[in-house]
Amino acid sequence: VKILRLLLERGDGTCICGDICAQLPLAQSTISQHLKMLRESGLIRARLDGPRVCYYVDSERLARLRQLLAELLSGPDEGLEEALG
C-alpha cells in the first residue's frame, strides 16, 4: 500500500526502486519483490529509461480494484463471482 501511495504521489513515472527504498524502512530486495508482485497483479507498470526502470500506477486497473472492493464491502455478493471472473 505504501509503495502504491508513493507512486501515486509522484504520478510522473519517474519513481525508481532506489527512490522507493529511500522512503521505506525495507531492504531493497524486499521492495523489489513487492514491485514484482504489483507488476504481476497489473496495479503498476514499468517503463525503461536507459538502464533504469521507472514505475507508475495503472490508474484504470486501480479504479477497477476500487470498484470490486466497494462491491465486496457493500453487502450481498451478487455478481461478485462474475466480476472477478
Protein backbone atom coordinates (compact mmCIF):
# COMPACT_ATOMS: atom_id res chain seq x y z
CA VAL A 1 0.00 0.00 0.00
CA LYS A 2 2.82 2.40 0.84
CA ILE A 3 4.51 1.70 -2.48
CA LEU A 4 1.27 2.43 -4.33
CA ARG A 5 0.83 5.65 -2.38
CA LEU A 6 4.38 6.75 -3.17
CA LEU A 7 3.85 6.07 -6.85
CA LEU A 8 0.54 7.92 -6.84
CA GLU A 9 2.16 10.92 -5.15
CA ARG A 10 4.90 11.03 -7.80
CA GLY A 11 2.48 10.41 -10.63
CA ASP A 12 5.10 11.05 -13.30
CA GLY A 13 6.55 7.60 -13.84
CA THR A 14 10.00 8.63 -12.61
CA CYS A 15 9.96 6.64 -9.40
CA ILE A 16 12.69 4.04 -9.48
CA CYS A 17 13.41 1.35 -6.92
CA GLY A 18 16.11 3.47 -5.27
CA ASP A 19 13.60 6.29 -4.73
CA ILE A 20 11.20 3.87 -3.07
CA CYS A 21 13.96 2.33 -0.93
CA ALA A 22 14.85 5.79 0.36
CA GLN A 23 11.26 6.27 1.57
CA LEU A 24 10.59 2.90 3.21
CA PRO A 25 12.35 1.05 6.02
CA LEU A 26 12.65 -2.15 3.98
CA ALA A 27 15.51 -3.93 2.27
CA GLN A 28 15.96 -3.27 -1.44
CA SER A 29 15.32 -6.95 -2.17
CA THR A 30 12.01 -6.80 -0.30
CA ILE A 31 10.90 -3.72 -2.20
CA SER A 32 11.93 -5.33 -5.50
CA GLN A 33 9.81 -8.37 -4.65
CA HIS A 34 6.81 -6.17 -3.83
CA LEU A 35 7.28 -4.25 -7.09
CA LYS A 36 7.35 -7.56 -8.97
CA MET A 37 4.10 -8.67 -7.32
CA LEU A 38 2.43 -5.33 -8.04
CA ARG A 39 3.50 -5.57 -11.70
CA GLU A 40 2.21 -9.14 -11.95
CA SER A 41 -1.12 -8.02 -10.50
CA GLY A 42 -1.33 -5.26 -13.09
CA LEU A 43 -1.60 -2.49 -10.49
CA ILE A 44 1.66 -0.90 -11.57
CA ARG A 45 3.51 -0.71 -14.85
CA ALA A 46 7.11 -0.08 -15.68
CA ARG A 47 8.96 1.67 -18.47
CA LEU A 48 12.62 1.61 -19.27
CA ASP A 49 14.58 4.84 -19.02
CA GLY A 50 18.05 3.87 -20.14
CA PRO A 51 19.42 1.48 -17.52
CA ARG A 52 16.66 2.35 -15.03
CA VAL A 53 13.13 1.05 -14.67
CA CYS A 54 10.54 3.69 -13.83
CA TYR A 55 7.31 2.61 -12.16
CA TYR A 56 3.84 4.11 -12.27
CA VAL A 57 0.32 3.13 -11.21
CA ASP A 58 -2.06 1.74 -13.83
CA SER A 59 -4.96 4.04 -12.98
CA GLU A 60 -7.56 2.01 -14.90
CA ARG A 61 -6.60 -1.19 -13.08
CA LEU A 62 -6.62 0.62 -9.72
CA ALA A 63 -10.08 2.03 -10.46
CA ARG A 64 -11.32 -1.48 -11.24
CA LEU A 65 -9.88 -2.77 -7.97
CA ARG A 66 -11.63 0.05 -6.08
CA GLN A 67 -14.91 -0.88 -7.75
CA LEU A 68 -14.54 -4.55 -6.88
CA LEU A 69 -13.63 -3.76 -3.27
CA ALA A 70 -16.60 -1.40 -2.95
CA GLU A 71 -18.89 -4.15 -4.25
CA LEU A 72 -17.35 -6.65 -1.85
CA LEU A 73 -17.78 -4.36 1.15
CA SER A 74 -21.23 -3.04 0.24
CA GLY A 75 -23.20 -6.13 1.11
CA PRO A 76 -24.53 -9.14 -0.76
CA ASP A 77 -22.05 -10.70 -3.14
CA GLU A 78 -24.47 -10.88 -6.06
CA GLY A 79 -22.47 -10.70 -9.25
CA LEU A 80 -19.12 -10.60 -7.45
CA GLU A 81 -18.04 -14.01 -8.74
CA GLU A 82 -18.86 -12.90 -12.28
CA ALA A 83 -16.97 -9.62 -11.82
CA LEU A 84 -13.88 -11.43 -10.55
CA GLY A 85 -14.25 -13.94 -13.40
